[in-house]
Amino acid sequence: MKLLKTKTARFSQVIENCGKPQVYTLWQKPSADRHLQAEIKNNRVMTILKSESGTDFGIAGFKESKEARHLIFPKSLKRFAEKRIIGIDWALVRD
């Protein structure tokens, strides 16, 4: 079995490059949420998921999941598209 090497980036690096994010709460279906759709199109959405060990990690882009939380950044996350974002520090997220 060949192990795929996952590229990672630290959450603090993302904030340095893309600014402080805000938590985005879904109040309606994502497809009906025009603001969210615009942010997805501009590559500003990060989906935060739980790993099997229970730690948070992020992926650039929108992934629909009941357990997911979403952050919206002031700048595009395009450069982090293929990376797993680790070291999520909720203290760095704007309220």
PDB file of N, CA and C in Angstrom:
ATOM      1  N   MET A   1       0.846  -1.191   0.000  1.00  0.00           N
ATOM      2  CA  MET A   1       0.000   0.000   0.000  1.00  0.00           C
ATOM      3  C   MET A   1       0.884   1.245   0.000  1.00  0.00           C
ATOM      4  N   LYS A   2       0.611   2.137  -0.914  1.00  0.00           N
ATOM      5  CA  LYS A   2       1.397   3.358  -1.038  1.00  0.00           C
ATOM      6  C   LYS A   2       0.727   4.478  -0.236  1.00  0.00           C
ATOM      7  N   LEU A   3       1.489   5.092   0.623  1.00  0.00           N
ATOM      8  CA  LEU A   3       0.941   6.189   1.419  1.00  0.00           C
ATOM      9  C   LEU A   3       1.079   7.493   0.647  1.00  0.00           C
ATOM     10  N   LEU A   4      -0.014   8.206   0.565  1.00  0.00           N
ATOM     11  CA  LEU A   4       0.024   9.506  -0.090  1.00  0.00           C
ATOM     12  C   LEU A   4       0.515  10.540   0.911  1.00  0.00           C
ATOM     13  N   LYS A   5       1.467  11.322   0.499  1.00  0.00           N
ATOM     14  CA  LYS A   5       1.969  12.372   1.388  1.00  0.00           C
ATOM     15  C   LYS A   5       1.028  13.570   1.270  1.00  0.00           C
ATOM     16  N   THR A   6       0.378  13.879   2.354  1.00  0.00           N
ATOM     17  CA  THR A   6      -0.559  14.992   2.346  1.00  0.00           C
ATOM     18  C   THR A   6       0.193  16.297   2.564  1.00  0.00           C
ATOM     19  N   LYS A   7      -0.054  17.247   1.701  1.00  0.00           N
ATOM     20  CA  LYS A   7       0.542  18.560   1.885  1.00  0.00           C
ATOM     21  C   LYS A   7      -0.273  19.295   2.940  1.00  0.00           C
ATOM     22  N   THR A   8       0.443  19.913   3.857  1.00  0.00           N
ATOM     23  CA  THR A   8      -0.255  20.638   4.916  1.00  0.00           C
ATOM     24  C   THR A   8       0.225  22.080   4.966  1.00  0.00           C
ATOM     25  N   ALA A   9      -0.584  22.910   5.599  1.00  0.00           N
ATOM     26  CA  ALA A   9      -0.219  24.297   5.871  1.00  0.00           C
ATOM     27  C   ALA A   9      -0.769  24.618   7.254  1.00  0.00           C
ATOM     28  N   ARG A  10      -0.083  25.472   7.960  1.00  0.00           N
ATOM     29  CA  ARG A  10      -0.546  25.862   9.289  1.00  0.00           C
ATOM     30  C   ARG A  10      -1.617  26.948   9.171  1.00  0.00           C
ATOM     31  N   PHE A  11      -2.569  26.907  10.082  1.00  0.00           N
ATOM     32  CA  PHE A  11      -3.655  27.892  10.106  1.00  0.00           C
ATOM     33  C   PHE A  11      -3.088  29.309  10.225  1.00  0.00           C
ATOM     34  N   SER A  12      -2.028  29.456  11.025  1.00  0.00           N
ATOM     35  CA  SER A  12      -1.417  30.781  11.199  1.00  0.00           C
ATOM     36  C   SER A  12      -0.856  31.325   9.875  1.00  0.00           C
ATOM     37  N   GLN A  13      -0.333  30.422   9.008  1.00  0.00           N
ATOM     38  CA  GLN A  13       0.154  30.827   7.682  1.00  0.00           C
ATOM     39  C   GLN A  13      -0.995  31.349   6.832  1.00  0.00           C
ATOM     40  N   VAL A  14      -2.125  30.663   6.900  1.00  0.00           N
ATOM     41  CA  VAL A  14      -3.296  31.062   6.118  1.00  0.00           C
ATOM     42  C   VAL A  14      -3.742  32.452   6.551  1.00  0.00           C
ATOM     43  N   ILE A  15      -3.765  32.693   7.861  1.00  0.00           N
ATOM     44  CA  ILE A  15      -4.185  33.995   8.374  1.00  0.00           C
ATOM     45  C   ILE A  15      -3.206  35.092   7.947  1.00  0.00           C
ATOM     46  N   GLU A  16      -1.902  34.784   7.972  1.00  0.00           N
ATOM     47  CA  GLU A  16      -0.897  35.749   7.503  1.00  0.00           C
ATOM     48  C   GLU A  16      -1.153  36.158   6.059  1.00  0.00           C
ATOM     49  N   ASN A  17      -1.498  35.188   5.221  1.00  0.00           N
ATOM     50  CA  ASN A  17      -1.703  35.435   3.793  1.00  0.00           C
ATOM     51  C   ASN A  17      -3.094  35.927   3.427  1.00  0.00           C
ATOM     52  N   CYS A  18      -4.106  35.498   4.163  1.00  0.00           N
ATOM     53  CA  CYS A  18      -5.496  35.738   3.752  1.00  0.00           C
ATOM     54  C   CYS A  18      -6.325  36.557   4.731  1.00  0.00           C
ATOM     55  N   GLY A  19      -5.745  36.955   5.857  1.00  0.00           N
ATOM     56  CA  GLY A  19      -6.474  37.758   6.830  1.00  0.00           C
ATOM     57  C   GLY A  19      -7.231  36.914   7.843  1.00  0.00           C
ATOM     58  N   LYS A  20      -7.819  37.599   8.830  1.00  0.00           N
ATOM     59  CA  LYS A  20      -8.580  36.899   9.876  1.00  0.00           C
ATOM     60  C   LYS A  20      -9.967  36.538   9.361  1.00  0.00           C
ATOM     61  N   PRO A  21     -10.340  35.275   9.540  1.00  0.00           N
ATOM     62  CA  PRO A  21     -11.650  34.834   9.040  1.00  0.00           C
ATOM     63  C   PRO A  21     -12.774  35.112  10.031  1.00  0.00           C
ATOM     64  N   GLN A  22     -13.985  35.013   9.515  1.00  0.00           N
ATOM     65  CA  GLN A  22     -15.177  35.053  10.360  1.00  0.00           C
ATOM     66  C   GLN A  22     -15.884  33.710  10.225  1.00  0.00           C
ATOM     67  N   VAL A  23     -16.481  33.263  11.316  1.00  0.00           N
ATOM     68  CA  VAL A  23     -17.272  32.038  11.274  1.00  0.00           C
ATOM     69  C   VAL A  23     -18.542  32.350  10.487  1.00  0.00           C
ATOM     70  N   TYR A  24     -18.913  31.451   9.600  1.00  0.00           N
ATOM     71  CA  TYR A  24     -20.128  31.635   8.809  1.00  0.00           C
ATOM     72  C   TYR A  24     -21.127  30.552   9.180  1.00  0.00           C
ATOM     73  N   THR A  25     -22.297  30.962   9.613  1.00  0.00           N
ATOM     74  CA  THR A  25     -23.336  30.012  10.002  1.00  0.00           C
ATOM     75  C   THR A  25     -24.330  29.864   8.862  1.00  0.00           C
ATOM     76  N   LEU A  26     -24.614  28.620   8.509  1.00  0.00           N
ATOM     77  CA  LEU A  26     -25.599  28.351   7.462  1.00  0.00           C
ATOM     78  C   LEU A  26     -26.999  28.398   8.059  1.00  0.00           C
ATOM     79  N   TRP A  27     -27.824  29.297   7.561  1.00  0.00           N
ATOM     80  CA  TRP A  27     -29.207  29.381   8.032  1.00  0.00           C
ATOM     81  C   TRP A  27     -30.170  28.851   6.986  1.00  0.00           C
ATOM     82  N   GLN A  28     -29.639  28.548   5.812  1.00  0.00           N
ATOM     83  CA  GLN A  28     -30.466  28.026   4.724  1.00  0.00           C
ATOM     84  C   GLN A  28     -29.626  27.057   3.907  1.00  0.00           C
ATOM     85  N   LYS A  29     -30.228  26.431   2.907  1.00  0.00           N
ATOM     86  CA  LYS A  29     -29.477  25.518   2.048  1.00  0.00           C
ATOM     87  C   LYS A  29     -28.348  26.303   1.369  1.00  0.00           C
ATOM     88  N   PRO A  30     -27.143  25.739   1.327  1.00  0.00           N
ATOM     89  CA  PRO A  30     -26.019  26.440   0.698  1.00  0.00           C
ATOM     90  C   PRO A  30     -26.321  26.922  -0.725  1.00  0.00           C
ATOM     91  N   SER A  31     -27.056  26.128  -1.489  1.00  0.00           N
ATOM     92  CA  SER A  31     -27.373  26.514  -2.872  1.00  0.00           C
ATOM     93  C   SER A  31     -28.272  27.749  -2.945  1.00  0.00           C
ATOM     94  N   ALA A  32     -29.041  28.007  -1.880  1.00  0.00           N
ATOM     95  CA  ALA A  32     -29.950  29.154  -1.849  1.00  0.00           C
ATOM     96  C   ALA A  32     -29.307  30.387  -1.210  1.00  0.00           C
ATOM     97  N   ASP A  33     -28.120  30.216  -0.630  1.00  0.00           N
ATOM     98  CA  ASP A  33     -27.444  31.307   0.082  1.00  0.00           C
ATOM     99  C   ASP A  33     -26.537  32.066  -0.889  1.00  0.00           C
ATOM    100  N   ARG A  34     -27.034  33.181  -1.385  1.00  0.00           N
ATOM    101  CA  ARG A  34     -26.313  33.923  -2.423  1.00  0.00           C
ATOM    102  C   ARG A  34     -24.984  34.478  -1.928  1.00  0.00           C
ATOM    103  N   HIS A  35     -24.948  34.935  -0.680  1.00  0.00           N
ATOM    104  CA  HIS A  35     -23.699  35.458  -0.112  1.00  0.00           C
ATOM    105  C   HIS A  35     -22.646  34.353  -0.060  1.00  0.00           C
ATOM    106  N   LEU A  36     -23.034  33.182   0.433  1.00  0.00           N
ATOM    107  CA  LEU A  36     -22.107  32.054   0.517  1.00  0.00           C
ATOM    108  C   LEU A  36     -21.621  31.651  -0.879  1.00  0.00           C
ATOM    109  N   GLN A  37     -22.528  31.584  -1.834  1.00  0.00           N
ATOM    110  CA  GLN A  37     -22.144  31.203  -3.200  1.00  0.00           C
ATOM    111  C   GLN A  37     -21.112  32.167  -3.781  1.00  0.00           C
ATOM    112  N   ALA A  38     -21.276  33.462  -3.512  1.00  0.00           N
ATOM    113  CA  ALA A  38     -20.317  34.460  -3.993  1.00  0.00           C
ATOM    114  C   ALA A  38     -18.952  34.238  -3.346  1.00  0.00           C
ATOM    115  N   GLU A  39     -18.936  33.921  -2.046  1.00  0.00           N
ATOM    116  CA  GLU A  39     -17.676  33.691  -1.339  1.00  0.00           C
ATOM    117  C   GLU A  39     -16.990  32.417  -1.832  1.00  0.00           C
ATOM    118  N   ILE A  40     -17.774  31.374  -2.126  1.00  0.00           N
ATOM    119  CA  ILE A  40     -17.221  30.133  -2.664  1.00  0.00           C
ATOM    120  C   ILE A  40     -16.564  30.415  -4.017  1.00  0.00           C
ATOM    121  N   LYS A  41     -17.260  31.166  -4.855  1.00  0.00           N
ATOM    122  CA  LYS A  41     -16.752  31.505  -6.186  1.00  0.00           C
ATOM    123  C   LYS A  41     -15.433  32.277  -6.101  1.00  0.00           C
ATOM    124  N   ASN A  42     -15.289  33.100  -5.057  1.00  0.00           N
ATOM    125  CA  ASN A  42     -14.073  33.901  -4.863  1.00  0.00           C
ATOM    126  C   ASN A  42     -13.008  33.172  -4.038  1.00  0.00           C
ATOM    127  N   ASN A  43     -13.206  31.871  -3.797  1.00  0.00           N
ATOM    128  CA  ASN A  43     -12.240  31.033  -3.068  1.00  0.00           C
ATOM    129  C   ASN A  43     -11.936  31.549  -1.664  1.00  0.00           C
ATOM    130  N   ARG A  44     -12.950  32.043  -0.971  1.00  0.00           N
ATOM    131  CA  ARG A  44     -12.729  32.600   0.366  1.00  0.00           C
ATOM    132  C   ARG A  44     -13.284  31.731   1.489  1.00  0.00           C
ATOM    133  N   VAL A  45     -13.800  30.563   1.167  1.00  0.00           N
ATOM    134  CA  VAL A  45     -14.431  29.713   2.178  1.00  0.00           C
ATOM    135  C   VAL A  45     -13.497  28.578   2.571  1.00  0.00           C
ATOM    136  N   MET A  46     -13.401  28.339   3.872  1.00  0.00           N
ATOM    137  CA  MET A  46     -12.666  27.187   4.389  1.00  0.00           C
ATOM    138  C   MET A  46     -13.657  26.342   5.183  1.00  0.00           C
ATOM    139  N   THR A  47     -13.604  25.027   4.965  1.00  0.00           N
ATOM    140  CA  THR A  47     -14.441  24.099   5.714  1.00  0.00           C
ATOM    141  C   THR A  47     -13.582  23.472   6.808  1.00  0.00           C
ATOM    142  N   ILE A  48     -14.066  23.526   8.043  1.00  0.00           N
ATOM    143  CA  ILE A  48     -13.361  22.929   9.178  1.00  0.00           C
ATOM    144  C   ILE A  48     -14.064  21.621   9.531  1.00  0.00           C
ATOM    145  N   LEU A  49     -13.286  20.550   9.557  1.00  0.00           N
ATOM    146  CA  LEU A  49     -13.808  19.220   9.871  1.00  0.00           C
ATOM    147  C   LEU A  49     -13.033  18.628  11.037  1.00  0.00           C
ATOM    148  N   LYS A  50     -13.556  17.559  11.602  1.00  0.00           N
ATOM    149  CA  LYS A  50     -12.850  16.843  12.677  1.00  0.00           C
ATOM    150  C   LYS A  50     -12.162  15.626  12.074  1.00  0.00           C
ATOM    151  N   SER A  51     -10.914  15.399  12.484  1.00  0.00           N
ATOM    152  CA  SER A  51     -10.206  14.207  12.025  1.00  0.00           C
ATOM    153  C   SER A  51     -10.662  13.024  12.884  1.00  0.00           C
ATOM    154  N   GLU A  52     -10.217  11.827  12.531  1.00  0.00           N
ATOM    155  CA  GLU A  52     -10.599  10.640  13.302  1.00  0.00           C
ATOM    156  C   GLU A  52     -10.114  10.727  14.743  1.00  0.00           C
ATOM    157  N   SER A  53      -8.987  11.435  14.944  1.00  0.00           N
ATOM    158  CA  SER A  53      -8.454  11.573  16.304  1.00  0.00           C
ATOM    159  C   SER A  53      -9.157  12.693  17.082  1.00  0.00           C
ATOM    160  N   GLY A  54     -10.063  13.429  16.414  1.00  0.00           N
ATOM    161  CA  GLY A  54     -10.838  14.460  17.099  1.00  0.00           C
ATOM    162  C   GLY A  54     -10.274  15.857  16.993  1.00  0.00           C
ATOM    163  N   THR A  55      -9.162  16.026  16.290  1.00  0.00           N
ATOM    164  CA  THR A  55      -8.606  17.374  16.129  1.00  0.00           C
ATOM    165  C   THR A  55      -9.238  18.049  14.912  1.00  0.00           C
ATOM    166  N   ASP A  56      -9.309  19.380  14.952  1.00  0.00           N
ATOM    167  CA  ASP A  56      -9.863  20.135  13.833  1.00  0.00           C
ATOM    168  C   ASP A  56      -8.819  20.284  12.733  1.00  0.00           C
ATOM    169  N   PHE A  57      -9.284  20.223  11.483  1.00  0.00           N
ATOM    170  CA  PHE A  57      -8.423  20.567  10.353  1.00  0.00           C
ATOM    171  C   PHE A  57      -9.296  21.240   9.310  1.00  0.00           C
ATOM    172  N   GLY A  58      -8.682  21.990   8.436  1.00  0.00           N
ATOM    173  CA  GLY A  58      -9.442  22.727   7.442  1.00  0.00           C
ATOM    174  C   GLY A  58      -9.069  22.337   6.026  1.00  0.00           C
ATOM    175  N   ILE A  59     -10.003  22.589   5.120  1.00  0.00           N
ATOM    176  CA  ILE A  59      -9.723  22.458   3.702  1.00  0.00           C
ATOM    177  C   ILE A  59     -10.243  23.727   3.021  1.00  0.00           C
ATOM    178  N   ALA A  60      -9.467  24.227   2.072  1.00  0.00           N
ATOM    179  CA  ALA A  60      -9.912  25.398   1.318  1.00  0.00           C
ATOM    180  C   ALA A  60     -11.066  24.951   0.438  1.00  0.00           C
ATOM    181  N   GLY A  61     -12.151  25.696   0.472  1.00  0.00           N
ATOM    182  CA  GLY A  61     -13.316  25.337  -0.319  1.00  0.00           C
ATOM    183  C   GLY A  61     -14.480  24.937   0.563  1.00  0.00           C
ATOM    184  N   PHE A  62     -15.622  24.760  -0.060  1.00  0.00           N
ATOM    185  CA  PHE A  62     -16.843  24.423   0.666  1.00  0.00           C
ATOM    186  C   PHE A  62     -17.126  22.944   0.531  1.00  0.00           C
ATOM    187  N   LYS A  63     -17.297  22.292   1.672  1.00  0.00           N
ATOM    188  CA  LYS A  63     -17.686  20.879   1.683  1.00  0.00           C
ATOM    189  C   LYS A  63     -18.887  20.782   2.611  1.00  0.00           C
ATOM    190  N   GLU A  64     -19.994  20.305   2.061  1.00  0.00           N
ATOM    191  CA  GLU A  64     -21.211  20.220   2.862  1.00  0.00           C
ATOM    192  C   GLU A  64     -21.161  18.999   3.759  1.00  0.00           C
ATOM    193  N   SER A  65     -21.356  19.230   5.057  1.00  0.00           N
ATOM    194  CA  SER A  65     -21.345  18.164   6.046  1.00  0.00           C
ATOM    195  C   SER A  65     -22.024  18.688   7.301  1.00  0.00           C
ATOM    196  N   LYS A  66     -22.764  17.824   7.994  1.00  0.00           N
ATOM    197  CA  LYS A  66     -23.450  18.251   9.222  1.00  0.00           C
ATOM    198  C   LYS A  66     -22.458  18.687  10.298  1.00  0.00           C
ATOM    199  N   GLU A  67     -21.302  18.020  10.351  1.00  0.00           N
ATOM    200  CA  GLU A  67     -20.305  18.320  11.389  1.00  0.00           C
ATOM    201  C   GLU A  67     -19.404  19.499  11.033  1.00  0.00           C
ATOM    202  N   ALA A  68     -19.449  19.941   9.786  1.00  0.00           N
ATOM    203  CA  ALA A  68     -18.522  20.977   9.323  1.00  0.00           C
ATOM    204  C   ALA A  68     -18.878  22.359   9.864  1.00  0.00           C
ATOM    205  N   ARG A  69     -17.831  23.151  10.035  1.00  0.00           N
ATOM    206  CA  ARG A  69     -17.989  24.579  10.319  1.00  0.00           C
ATOM    207  C   ARG A  69     -17.311  25.316   9.170  1.00  0.00           C
ATOM    208  N   HIS A  70     -17.757  26.529   8.910  1.00  0.00           N
ATOM    209  CA  HIS A  70     -17.221  27.253   7.762  1.00  0.00           C
ATOM    210  C   HIS A  70     -16.671  28.604   8.186  1.00  0.00           C
ATOM    211  N   LEU A  71     -15.529  28.943   7.601  1.00  0.00           N
ATOM    212  CA  LEU A  71     -14.907  30.243   7.841  1.00  0.00           C
ATOM    213  C   LEU A  71     -14.842  30.987   6.515  1.00  0.00           C
ATOM    214  N   ILE A  72     -15.049  32.305   6.577  1.00  0.00           N
ATOM    215  CA  ILE A  72     -14.912  33.127   5.379  1.00  0.00           C
ATOM    216  C   ILE A  72     -13.762  34.098   5.612  1.00  0.00           C
ATOM    217  N   PHE A  73     -12.832  34.086   4.663  1.00  0.00           N
ATOM    218  CA  PHE A  73     -11.627  34.912   4.738  1.00  0.00           C
ATOM    219  C   PHE A  73     -11.769  36.157   3.871  1.00  0.00           C
ATOM    220  N   PRO A  74     -11.061  37.243   4.252  1.00  0.00           N
ATOM    221  CA  PRO A  74     -11.108  38.468   3.449  1.00  0.00           C
ATOM    222  C   PRO A  74     -10.433  38.315   2.079  1.00  0.00           C
ATOM    223  N   LYS A  75      -9.450  37.402   1.967  1.00  0.00           N
ATOM    224  CA  LYS A  75      -8.737  37.197   0.702  1.00  0.00           C
ATOM    225  C   LYS A  75      -8.857  35.752   0.242  1.00  0.00           C
ATOM    226  N   SER A  76      -8.574  35.517  -1.027  1.00  0.00           N
ATOM    227  CA  SER A  76      -8.689  34.192  -1.638  1.00  0.00           C
ATOM    228  C   SER A  76      -7.774  33.153  -0.992  1.00  0.00           C
ATOM    229  N   LEU A  77      -8.286  31.936  -0.887  1.00  0.00           N
ATOM    230  CA  LEU A  77      -7.534  30.800  -0.329  1.00  0.00           C
ATOM    231  C   LEU A  77      -6.960  29.917  -1.438  1.00  0.00           C
ATOM    232  N   LYS A  78      -6.936  30.417  -2.665  1.00  0.00           N
ATOM    233  CA  LYS A  78      -6.531  29.612  -3.821  1.00  0.00           C
ATOM    234  C   LYS A  78      -5.181  28.923  -3.634  1.00  0.00           C
ATOM    235  N   ARG A  79      -4.218  29.616  -3.044  1.00  0.00           N
ATOM    236  CA  ARG A  79      -2.878  29.018  -2.878  1.00  0.00           C
ATOM    237  C   ARG A  79      -2.861  27.847  -1.890  1.00  0.00           C
ATOM    238  N   PHE A  80      -3.920  27.683  -1.111  1.00  0.00           N
ATOM    239  CA  PHE A  80      -4.002  26.575  -0.146  1.00  0.00           C
ATOM    240  C   PHE A  80      -4.961  25.483  -0.625  1.00  0.00           C
ATOM    241  N   ALA A  81      -5.341  25.528  -1.886  1.00  0.00           N
ATOM    242  CA  ALA A  81      -6.383  24.646  -2.433  1.00  0.00           C
ATOM    243  C   ALA A  81      -6.127  23.154  -2.220  1.00  0.00           C
ATOM    244  N   GLU A  82      -4.915  22.690  -2.399  1.00  0.00           N
ATOM    245  CA  GLU A  82      -4.650  21.247  -2.308  1.00  0.00           C
ATOM    246  C   GLU A  82      -4.086  20.844  -0.944  1.00  0.00           C
ATOM    247  N   LYS A  83      -4.171  21.736   0.032  1.00  0.00           N
ATOM    248  CA  LYS A  83      -3.536  21.463   1.320  1.00  0.00           C
ATOM    249  C   LYS A  83      -4.539  21.221   2.433  1.00  0.00           C
ATOM    250  N   ARG A  84      -4.087  20.440   3.402  1.00  0.00           N
ATOM    251  CA  ARG A  84      -4.848  20.215   4.630  1.00  0.00           C
ATOM    252  C   ARG A  84      -4.350  21.281   5.615  1.00  0.00           C
ATOM    253  N   ILE A  85      -5.262  22.057   6.143  1.00  0.00           N
ATOM    254  CA  ILE A  85      -4.893  23.146   7.059  1.00  0.00           C
ATOM    255  C   ILE A  85      -4.916  22.597   8.478  1.00  0.00           C
ATOM    256  N   ILE A  86      -3.761  22.670   9.138  1.00  0.00           N
ATOM    257  CA  ILE A  86      -3.645  22.114  10.495  1.00  0.00           C
ATOM    258  C   ILE A  86      -3.374  23.227  11.501  1.00  0.00           C
ATOM    259  N   GLY A  87      -3.494  22.889  12.767  1.00  0.00           N
ATOM    260  CA  GLY A  87      -3.216  23.859  13.832  1.00  0.00           C
ATOM    261  C   GLY A  87      -4.274  24.937  13.922  1.00  0.00           C
ATOM    262  N   ILE A  88      -5.531  24.552  13.791  1.00  0.00           N
ATOM    263  CA  ILE A  88      -6.628  25.529  13.858  1.00  0.00           C
ATOM    264  C   ILE A  88      -6.647  26.171  15.246  1.00  0.00           C
ATOM    265  N   ASP A  89      -6.499  27.477  15.277  1.00  0.00           N
ATOM    266  CA  ASP A  89      -6.494  28.223  16.535  1.00  0.00           C
ATOM    267  C   ASP A  89      -7.712  29.125  16.545  1.00  0.00           C
ATOM    268  N   TRP A  90      -8.731  28.725  17.304  1.00  0.00           N
ATOM    269  CA  TRP A  90      -9.982  29.471  17.312  1.00  0.00           C
ATOM    270  C   TRP A  90      -9.834  30.863  17.897  1.00  0.00           C
ATOM    271  N   ALA A  91      -8.750  31.104  18.644  1.00  0.00           N
ATOM    272  CA  ALA A  91      -8.505  32.446  19.202  1.00  0.00           C
ATOM    273  C   ALA A  91      -8.191  33.453  18.083  1.00  0.00           C
ATOM    274  N   LEU A  92      -7.750  32.956  16.929  1.00  0.00           N
ATOM    275  CA  LEU A  92      -7.403  33.828  15.799  1.00  0.00           C
ATOM    276  C   LEU A  92      -8.597  34.151  14.895  1.00  0.00           C
ATOM    277  N   VAL A  93      -9.754  33.597  15.221  1.00  0.00           N
ATOM    278  CA  VAL A  93     -10.953  33.804  14.406  1.00  0.00           C
ATOM    279  C   VAL A  93     -11.753  34.951  14.991  1.00  0.00           C
ATOM    280  N   ARG A  94     -12.203  35.874  14.112  1.00  0.00           N
ATOM    281  CA  ARG A  94     -12.995  37.004  14.583  1.00  0.00           C
ATOM    282  C   ARG A  94     -14.398  36.572  14.963  1.00  0.00           C
ATOM    283  N   ASP A  95     -14.926  37.198  15.997  1.00  0.00           N
ATOM    284  CA  ASP A  95     -16.316  36.903  16.423  1.00  0.00           C
ATOM    285  C   ASP A  95     -17.304  37.637  15.556  1.00  0.00           C
TER     286      ASP A  95
END
